[in-house]
Amino acid sequence: METIGKTEGFSGRRAEARLRTPTIERERDLGIDLLRVLAALMVIGAHVLNQGGALDAAWGGTENSAGAVVLQSVCMSSVNCFGITTGYMLCRSRFHLMRMLRLWSVVLFYGLLFTGLRLIVAPRAVTSWELLSAVLPVTFKRMWYVSAYFGLFFITPFLNRLLRSLNRKQHLALALVLLFLFSGIATISFSETFGINDRGHNVLWLGVLYIVGAYVRMHARPWPRRLSALLLIGAIAASTVSKYVIAWAAELILGRRPGRGLFIRDISPLIVLIALSLFYLLRGFSPKNRAARAAISFAAPLTFGVYVIHMQPMLWDGWERTFAPFAGMHVLVFPLAVLGAVFAIFAACMAIDFLRARVFRLMKIDSALAAIERRALSVWNWALQTAQRAL
C-alpha cells in the first residue's frame, strides 16, 4: 500500500499540515451539511418510534397510525442519506487515516464515559459485554454503523480507484446492478440473500450506497427541485400505503398483522428513493440568512457525536417504550410530540458533544492522534515492504 500512501494522502507532513487547517473543508455545500443534520434527526426519530415504542403503540389501531407510518418512512431513510453523502464526499478525496482516528476517539471517549457513569449509578446493570464493547467498540459492534463505516473506510482508496477507471455508463451500470441485487431482490427475500440482512446493517450495504453517492458526484445530472419534491412525496406515500396493503393481506391470509412494513426498511427501493430525493432537494441549497448558515455549519460537525451519545447502552435501555404514550395523543399533537422529543434529544446530545470538542481541543487530542497516525503509517509501510520482498 506504499503506492496508495503516496497518492492517497498517507504522509506525516500532510498530517501536521492538517492540524494547522480547520477540520471543516474550505468550501462546503451547506445543503449537504443540512442533509447530515436532517439525517441525524431522522436517526433519533426512528429510535423514538421503534425503541421508544411510539410506532407499535400507534400501529395497534389508534388514530395516529397513519402519522406514525409516514414518520417511520421518512426516518428510515436516515442511514441511506448518510451512506450516499459519504460516497459523494469521499469519492474524490484523499485517504486520511486521521479522519478515522478522530471518529474512533469520539466513540471510545463516550463508551468509557457512559459505561463509567453506569457503573456508578447501576453497577449490576453493566454486563461484561458492555465493558468490553466500551474498550473495543468496533470489534464488538457496539454500534453497527460505526463498525460498518470502519470497514468501508479502509477500502475506499481502492474503491475510488476502481470508480475513477469506469466511464459514466459503466459506473451507472454498476450502481443499478447493485441496487437491483441488494435493494430490489433482497427486499422481497425472506433470508439474508447475497449476504445482506433484511435491514442492510452492514458494510456491504454502505458500500452500495457509497457507489451510488460517488456516481452522483462524478457523473449524475442534477434533478430539478420540483421533481425531487414530487418523488419524495410519492415515495413516502407509496411506502405508507404498502404497509397497510401488506398488513391487510397478511391479516387476511395469516390471521395476524405484521409490525414492520416490507418496504419500510433501509434496503427498500422506496426508502432509497426517499434518501435520493432528499439529497437532490438539498444539494446546493444555501440559505441567505446568515444565522441559518451559521447554525448549519455549527451543527453538522457534531452530528456524529449526537449519534454516538444517544446510542450508548445506558441511554438506549432507558428509551424502551418511553414514548409509547404519544400514541394516545390527539392526531395533530402526535407528530409534534415526536418531533419535540427528537429535537430535545438532538439539542442535548449536541451540547454534550460541543463540550467534548472543546475538551479535546484543550487536551490537544489532535496532536496525539497525528502522532498515532504517523506511527501507524510507518509500521504499515514497513510491513508492506517486508511482504513485497517475501512475495
Protein backbone atom coordinates (compact mmCIF):
# COMPACT_ATOMS: atom_id res chain seq x y z
CA MET A 1 0.00 0.00 0.00
CA GLU A 2 3.00 2.25 -0.38
CA THR A 3 1.70 3.49 -3.70
CA ILE A 4 -1.59 4.31 -2.08
CA GLY A 5 0.32 6.09 0.64
CA LYS A 6 1.92 8.43 -1.88
CA THR A 7 -1.18 9.15 -3.89
CA GLU A 8 -3.95 8.97 -1.34
CA GLY A 9 -2.56 11.14 1.44
CA PHE A 10 -0.51 8.81 3.68
CA SER A 11 2.02 11.40 4.78
CA GLY A 12 3.28 12.62 8.12
CA ARG A 13 3.83 16.12 6.72
CA ARG A 14 0.28 16.26 5.47
CA ALA A 15 -0.94 15.12 8.87
CA GLU A 16 0.91 18.00 10.51
CA ALA A 17 -0.41 20.43 7.92
CA ARG A 18 -3.96 19.32 8.61
CA LEU A 19 -3.53 20.33 12.24
CA ARG A 20 -2.98 23.89 11.09
CA THR A 21 -6.13 23.94 8.96
CA PRO A 22 -9.78 23.82 10.02
CA THR A 23 -11.43 20.43 10.32
CA ILE A 24 -14.20 21.60 8.00
CA GLU A 25 -13.16 21.93 4.37
CA ARG A 26 -12.70 25.43 2.99
CA GLU A 27 -15.57 25.12 0.57
CA ARG A 28 -18.59 23.18 1.69
CA ASP A 29 -22.01 22.56 0.29
CA LEU A 30 -24.29 23.78 3.07
CA GLY A 31 -27.09 21.73 1.56
CA ILE A 32 -25.10 18.54 2.18
CA ASP A 33 -24.34 19.70 5.72
CA LEU A 34 -28.05 20.36 6.23
CA LEU A 35 -28.79 16.84 4.98
CA ARG A 36 -26.35 15.44 7.57
CA VAL A 37 -28.16 17.34 10.31
CA LEU A 38 -31.53 16.18 8.99
CA ALA A 39 -30.27 12.57 8.80
CA ALA A 40 -29.11 12.71 12.42
CA LEU A 41 -32.55 13.99 13.43
CA MET A 42 -34.16 11.17 11.45
CA VAL A 43 -31.98 8.56 13.16
CA ILE A 44 -33.23 9.80 16.51
CA GLY A 45 -36.77 9.89 15.12
CA ALA A 46 -36.54 6.25 14.01
CA HIS A 47 -35.39 5.29 17.50
CA VAL A 48 -38.15 7.31 19.20
CA LEU A 49 -40.68 5.48 17.04
CA ASN A 50 -39.18 1.98 17.35
CA GLN A 51 -37.16 1.60 20.54
CA GLY A 52 -39.27 4.30 22.19
CA GLY A 53 -42.45 2.37 21.41
CA ALA A 54 -44.41 5.20 19.75
CA LEU A 55 -44.81 3.30 16.47
CA ASP A 56 -46.01 -0.01 17.95
CA ALA A 57 -48.45 1.77 20.23
CA ALA A 58 -49.89 3.83 17.36
CA TRP A 59 -49.92 0.91 14.90
CA GLY A 60 -52.15 -1.01 17.29
CA GLY A 61 -55.22 0.76 15.95
CA THR A 62 -55.10 4.36 17.14
CA GLU A 63 -55.93 7.40 15.02
CA ASN A 64 -52.21 8.18 14.93
CA SER A 65 -51.42 5.07 12.91
CA ALA A 66 -51.02 6.85 9.57
CA GLY A 67 -48.96 9.66 11.05
CA ALA A 68 -46.62 7.16 12.71
CA VAL A 69 -46.11 5.23 9.46
CA VAL A 70 -45.38 8.43 7.50
CA LEU A 71 -42.79 9.45 10.09
CA GLN A 72 -41.35 5.93 10.01
CA SER A 73 -40.98 6.04 6.20
CA VAL A 74 -39.13 9.35 6.32
CA CYS A 75 -36.91 8.47 9.27
CA MET A 76 -35.89 5.10 7.87
CA SER A 77 -34.06 6.89 5.05
CA SER A 78 -31.52 8.35 7.51
CA VAL A 79 -28.86 5.65 7.07
CA ASN A 80 -29.19 5.84 3.30
CA CYS A 81 -28.75 9.63 3.46
CA PHE A 82 -25.53 9.17 5.43
CA GLY A 83 -24.28 6.44 3.08
CA ILE A 84 -24.95 8.39 -0.11
CA THR A 85 -23.40 11.51 1.41
CA THR A 86 -20.29 9.54 2.39
CA GLY A 87 -19.77 8.37 -1.19
CA TYR A 88 -20.46 11.85 -2.52
CA MET A 89 -17.91 13.48 -0.21
CA LEU A 90 -15.13 10.88 -0.16
CA CYS A 91 -15.05 9.62 -3.76
CA ARG A 92 -12.70 12.42 -4.79
CA SER A 93 -10.86 12.94 -1.52
CA ARG A 94 -7.53 11.57 -0.39
CA PHE A 95 -7.33 8.84 2.21
CA HIS A 96 -6.59 10.35 5.62
CA LEU A 97 -6.19 7.94 8.50
CA MET A 98 -6.68 10.93 10.80
CA ARG A 99 -10.35 11.05 9.80
CA MET A 100 -10.96 7.58 11.20
CA LEU A 101 -8.80 8.20 14.27
CA ARG A 102 -10.93 11.23 15.14
CA LEU A 103 -14.13 9.21 14.85
CA TRP A 104 -12.63 6.35 16.83
CA SER A 105 -11.54 8.74 19.61
CA VAL A 106 -15.11 10.05 19.92
CA VAL A 107 -16.59 6.55 20.10
CA LEU A 108 -14.01 5.42 22.65
CA PHE A 109 -14.45 8.56 24.78
CA TYR A 110 -18.22 8.24 25.06
CA GLY A 111 -18.08 4.48 25.53
CA LEU A 112 -15.76 4.84 28.51
CA LEU A 113 -17.61 7.89 29.88
CA PHE A 114 -21.12 6.42 29.85
CA THR A 115 -20.00 2.96 30.94
CA GLY A 116 -18.21 4.58 33.87
CA LEU A 117 -21.31 6.57 34.76
CA ARG A 118 -23.43 3.44 34.60
CA LEU A 119 -21.00 1.61 36.88
CA ILE A 120 -21.55 4.39 39.42
CA VAL A 121 -25.34 4.63 39.05
CA ALA A 122 -26.28 0.98 38.47
CA PRO A 123 -23.22 -1.31 38.65
CA ARG A 124 -25.28 -4.50 38.49
CA ALA A 125 -26.75 -3.44 35.15
CA VAL A 126 -23.31 -3.35 33.48
CA THR A 127 -22.53 -6.64 31.76
CA SER A 128 -19.10 -7.94 30.80
CA TRP A 129 -20.09 -7.46 27.15
CA GLU A 130 -20.79 -3.78 27.78
CA LEU A 131 -17.43 -3.31 29.48
CA LEU A 132 -15.51 -4.95 26.65
CA SER A 133 -17.51 -3.18 23.95
CA ALA A 134 -16.68 0.18 25.56
CA VAL A 135 -12.98 -0.55 25.04
CA LEU A 136 -13.36 -2.33 21.68
CA PRO A 137 -16.45 -0.69 20.15
CA VAL A 138 -15.72 -1.70 16.55
CA THR A 139 -15.00 -5.40 17.05
CA PHE A 140 -17.89 -5.81 19.49
CA LYS A 141 -20.25 -3.96 17.12
CA ARG A 142 -21.39 -1.62 19.90
CA MET A 143 -22.98 0.50 17.18
CA TRP A 144 -23.46 -1.26 13.88
CA TYR A 145 -23.00 1.88 11.78
CA VAL A 146 -19.62 2.65 13.35
CA SER A 147 -18.39 -0.90 12.76
CA ALA A 148 -19.66 -0.93 9.16
CA TYR A 149 -18.19 2.51 8.41
CA PHE A 150 -14.87 1.43 9.91
CA GLY A 151 -14.72 -1.48 7.47
CA LEU A 152 -15.79 0.63 4.50
CA PHE A 153 -13.33 3.41 5.27
CA PHE A 154 -10.24 1.28 4.71
CA ILE A 155 -11.33 0.06 1.29
CA THR A 156 -12.36 3.49 -0.03
CA PRO A 157 -8.92 4.23 -1.61
CA PHE A 158 -9.19 1.09 -3.72
CA LEU A 159 -12.88 1.63 -4.38
CA ASN A 160 -12.21 5.18 -5.55
CA ARG A 161 -9.54 3.98 -7.95
CA LEU A 162 -11.95 1.42 -9.36
CA LEU A 163 -14.69 4.02 -9.81
CA ARG A 164 -12.32 6.51 -11.45
CA SER A 165 -11.43 3.83 -14.01
CA LEU A 166 -15.07 3.49 -15.06
CA ASN A 167 -16.80 5.75 -17.54
CA ARG A 168 -20.23 7.20 -16.85
CA LYS A 169 -22.14 4.32 -18.44
CA GLN A 170 -20.12 1.65 -16.63
CA HIS A 171 -20.46 3.39 -13.26
CA LEU A 172 -24.22 3.73 -13.75
CA ALA A 173 -24.50 0.07 -14.73
CA LEU A 174 -22.58 -0.97 -11.60
CA ALA A 175 -24.81 1.17 -9.36
CA LEU A 176 -28.02 -0.15 -10.95
CA VAL A 177 -26.90 -3.80 -10.74
CA LEU A 178 -26.01 -3.40 -7.06
CA LEU A 179 -29.34 -1.71 -6.31
CA PHE A 180 -31.20 -4.42 -8.22
CA LEU A 181 -29.48 -7.18 -6.22
CA PHE A 182 -29.13 -5.67 -2.76
CA SER A 183 -32.21 -3.44 -2.75
CA GLY A 184 -34.73 -4.87 -5.20
CA ILE A 185 -34.29 -8.64 -4.79
CA ALA A 186 -33.10 -8.52 -1.18
CA THR A 187 -36.19 -6.53 -0.11
CA ILE A 188 -38.60 -9.26 -1.21
CA SER A 189 -36.40 -12.09 0.07
CA PHE A 190 -37.06 -13.88 3.34
CA SER A 191 -33.43 -14.71 4.10
CA GLU A 192 -30.06 -12.97 4.01
CA THR A 193 -29.89 -13.07 0.24
CA PHE A 194 -26.43 -12.25 -1.15
CA GLY A 195 -25.14 -11.92 2.41
CA ILE A 196 -27.17 -8.81 3.24
CA ASN A 197 -29.63 -8.85 6.13
CA ASP A 198 -33.19 -7.53 5.93
CA ARG A 199 -32.15 -4.03 7.03
CA GLY A 200 -28.74 -3.70 5.45
CA HIS A 201 -26.94 -3.03 8.70
CA ASN A 202 -23.51 -3.99 7.40
CA VAL A 203 -20.54 -2.78 5.37
CA LEU A 204 -21.96 -4.34 2.20
CA TRP A 205 -24.98 -2.02 2.12
CA LEU A 206 -22.87 1.02 2.99
CA GLY A 207 -20.62 0.08 0.07
CA VAL A 208 -23.61 0.04 -2.30
CA LEU A 209 -24.69 3.47 -1.05
CA TYR A 210 -21.10 4.73 -1.39
CA ILE A 211 -21.03 3.75 -5.06
CA VAL A 212 -24.41 5.44 -5.64
CA GLY A 213 -23.22 8.62 -3.90
CA ALA A 214 -19.98 8.58 -5.88
CA TYR A 215 -21.96 8.33 -9.13
CA VAL A 216 -24.00 11.38 -8.14
CA ARG A 217 -20.79 13.34 -7.52
CA MET A 218 -18.88 12.18 -10.59
CA HIS A 219 -21.49 11.81 -13.32
CA ALA A 220 -25.12 12.48 -12.44
CA ARG A 221 -27.04 15.47 -13.72
CA PRO A 222 -28.90 17.50 -11.08
CA TRP A 223 -32.59 16.83 -10.58
CA PRO A 224 -34.91 19.84 -10.61
CA ARG A 225 -36.06 20.57 -7.07
CA ARG A 226 -39.70 20.30 -8.11
CA LEU A 227 -39.07 16.78 -9.44
CA SER A 228 -37.16 15.88 -6.25
CA ALA A 229 -40.07 17.10 -4.12
CA LEU A 230 -42.62 15.13 -6.18
CA LEU A 231 -40.53 11.96 -5.99
CA LEU A 232 -40.10 12.43 -2.25
CA ILE A 233 -43.83 12.81 -1.66
CA GLY A 234 -44.62 9.91 -3.98
CA ALA A 235 -42.11 7.56 -2.31
CA ILE A 236 -43.36 8.44 1.18
CA ALA A 237 -46.97 7.89 0.09
CA ALA A 238 -46.13 4.58 -1.63
CA SER A 239 -44.22 3.20 1.35
CA THR A 240 -47.02 4.23 3.72
CA VAL A 241 -49.70 2.63 1.56
CA SER A 242 -47.58 -0.50 1.10
CA LYS A 243 -47.54 -1.09 4.85
CA TYR A 244 -51.32 -1.02 5.05
CA VAL A 245 -51.73 -3.23 1.96
CA ILE A 246 -49.25 -5.80 3.26
CA ALA A 247 -50.84 -5.68 6.72
CA TRP A 248 -54.28 -6.25 5.20
CA ALA A 249 -53.03 -9.16 3.07
CA ALA A 250 -51.14 -10.76 5.97
CA GLU A 251 -54.15 -10.47 8.25
CA LEU A 252 -56.38 -11.98 5.58
CA ILE A 253 -54.03 -14.88 4.78
CA LEU A 254 -52.09 -15.46 8.00
CA GLY A 255 -54.55 -14.10 10.52
CA ARG A 256 -52.08 -11.63 12.03
CA ARG A 257 -50.88 -8.12 11.35
CA PRO A 258 -47.11 -7.66 10.88
CA GLY A 259 -45.48 -4.91 12.88
CA ARG A 260 -42.92 -3.77 10.29
CA GLY A 261 -43.55 -2.98 6.67
CA LEU A 262 -41.76 -4.96 3.97
CA PHE A 263 -40.96 -1.78 2.04
CA ILE A 264 -40.09 0.37 5.05
CA ARG A 265 -36.54 -0.84 5.59
CA ASP A 266 -33.15 0.68 4.81
CA ILE A 267 -32.63 -1.52 1.74
CA SER A 268 -36.11 -0.94 0.29
CA PRO A 269 -36.14 0.77 -3.12
CA LEU A 270 -38.74 3.24 -1.83
CA ILE A 271 -36.58 4.21 1.15
CA VAL A 272 -33.56 4.58 -1.16
CA LEU A 273 -35.67 6.84 -3.38
CA ILE A 274 -36.65 8.95 -0.37
CA ALA A 275 -32.96 9.39 0.52
CA LEU A 276 -32.00 10.28 -3.07
CA SER A 277 -34.89 12.76 -3.33
CA LEU A 278 -33.82 14.44 -0.09
CA PHE A 279 -30.23 14.53 -1.35
CA TYR A 280 -31.11 16.21 -4.63
CA LEU A 281 -33.60 18.51 -2.91
CA LEU A 282 -30.94 19.84 -0.53
CA ARG A 283 -27.82 19.56 -2.70
CA GLY A 284 -26.54 23.04 -3.49
CA PHE A 285 -29.02 24.66 -1.11
CA SER A 286 -27.59 27.72 0.58
CA PRO A 287 -29.81 29.80 2.88
CA LYS A 288 -29.39 33.54 2.54
CA ASN A 289 -29.92 34.13 6.22
CA ARG A 290 -26.54 34.40 7.94
CA ALA A 291 -27.84 32.93 11.21
CA ALA A 292 -29.21 29.87 9.38
CA ARG A 293 -25.88 29.34 7.61
CA ALA A 294 -24.02 29.64 10.90
CA ALA A 295 -26.41 27.19 12.60
CA ILE A 296 -25.91 24.57 9.87
CA SER A 297 -22.13 24.98 9.94
CA PHE A 298 -22.16 24.65 13.72
CA ALA A 299 -24.42 21.59 13.92
CA ALA A 300 -23.08 19.49 11.01
CA PRO A 301 -19.69 18.54 12.56
CA LEU A 302 -21.45 17.47 15.76
CA THR A 303 -23.87 15.01 14.16
CA PHE A 304 -21.57 12.02 14.62
CA GLY A 305 -21.26 12.78 18.32
CA VAL A 306 -25.04 13.07 18.56
CA TYR A 307 -25.40 9.59 17.07
CA VAL A 308 -22.77 8.04 19.35
CA ILE A 309 -24.17 9.64 22.53
CA HIS A 310 -27.80 8.67 22.09
CA MET A 311 -26.83 5.08 21.21
CA GLN A 312 -24.99 4.43 24.48
CA PRO A 313 -26.48 1.39 26.32
CA MET A 314 -27.10 3.45 29.44
CA LEU A 315 -29.42 5.74 27.46
CA TRP A 316 -30.65 3.21 24.90
CA ASP A 317 -32.06 0.88 27.55
CA GLY A 318 -33.89 3.79 29.16
CA TRP A 319 -35.61 4.60 25.86
CA GLU A 320 -37.61 1.37 25.76
CA ARG A 321 -41.29 2.27 25.34
CA THR A 322 -40.67 5.67 26.90
CA PHE A 323 -42.55 7.39 24.10
CA ALA A 324 -45.43 4.90 23.75
CA PRO A 325 -47.86 7.31 25.50
CA PHE A 326 -47.54 9.63 22.50
CA ALA A 327 -49.85 7.28 20.59
CA GLY A 328 -52.77 8.32 22.78
CA MET A 329 -52.41 11.99 21.94
CA HIS A 330 -54.58 13.97 19.54
CA VAL A 331 -53.84 13.29 15.88
CA LEU A 332 -52.44 16.81 15.43
CA VAL A 333 -50.39 16.68 18.62
CA PHE A 334 -48.79 13.28 17.98
CA PRO A 335 -46.30 14.35 15.26
CA LEU A 336 -45.46 17.50 17.21
CA ALA A 337 -44.72 15.39 20.31
CA VAL A 338 -42.46 13.06 18.33
CA LEU A 339 -40.64 15.96 16.70
CA GLY A 340 -40.33 17.73 20.04
CA ALA A 341 -38.71 14.66 21.59
CA VAL A 342 -36.37 14.33 18.61
CA PHE A 343 -35.22 17.96 18.76
CA ALA A 344 -34.81 17.83 22.53
CA ILE A 345 -32.60 14.72 22.32
CA PHE A 346 -30.63 16.20 19.42
CA ALA A 347 -30.06 19.51 21.24
CA ALA A 348 -28.94 17.80 24.46
CA CYS A 349 -26.53 15.48 22.64
CA MET A 350 -25.20 18.31 20.52
CA ALA A 351 -24.48 20.40 23.62
CA ILE A 352 -22.62 17.48 25.18
CA ASP A 353 -20.56 16.90 22.05
CA PHE A 354 -19.75 20.60 21.78
CA LEU A 355 -18.25 20.44 25.27
CA ARG A 356 -16.38 17.25 24.34
CA ALA A 357 -14.90 19.00 21.30
CA ARG A 358 -13.71 21.88 23.48
CA VAL A 359 -12.14 19.46 25.96
CA PHE A 360 -10.40 17.60 23.13
CA ARG A 361 -9.05 20.90 21.84
CA LEU A 362 -7.70 21.88 25.25
CA MET A 363 -6.12 18.46 25.68
CA LYS A 364 -4.61 18.66 22.17
CA ILE A 365 -6.06 15.30 21.23
CA ASP A 366 -5.47 16.01 17.54
CA SER A 367 -1.74 16.25 18.16
CA ALA A 368 -1.78 12.87 19.89
CA LEU A 369 -3.82 11.36 17.06
CA ALA A 370 -1.40 12.78 14.50
CA ALA A 371 1.45 11.03 16.32
CA ILE A 372 -0.54 7.77 16.26
CA GLU A 373 -1.19 8.27 12.55
CA ARG A 374 2.50 8.76 11.76
CA ARG A 375 3.45 5.68 13.76
CA ALA A 376 0.71 3.55 12.23
CA LEU A 377 1.65 4.55 8.69
CA SER A 378 5.31 3.88 9.43
CA VAL A 379 4.50 0.38 10.65
CA TRP A 380 2.22 -0.19 7.66
CA ASN A 381 4.85 0.83 5.12
CA TRP A 382 7.44 -1.39 6.83
CA ALA A 383 5.01 -4.34 6.79
CA LEU A 384 4.20 -3.72 3.13
CA GLN A 385 7.84 -3.55 2.12
CA THR A 386 8.57 -6.74 4.07
CA ALA A 387 5.67 -8.51 2.35
CA GLN A 388 6.81 -7.30 -1.07
CA ARG A 389 10.31 -8.69 -0.51
CA ALA A 390 8.90 -12.01 0.74
CA LEU A 391 6.41 -12.38 -2.11
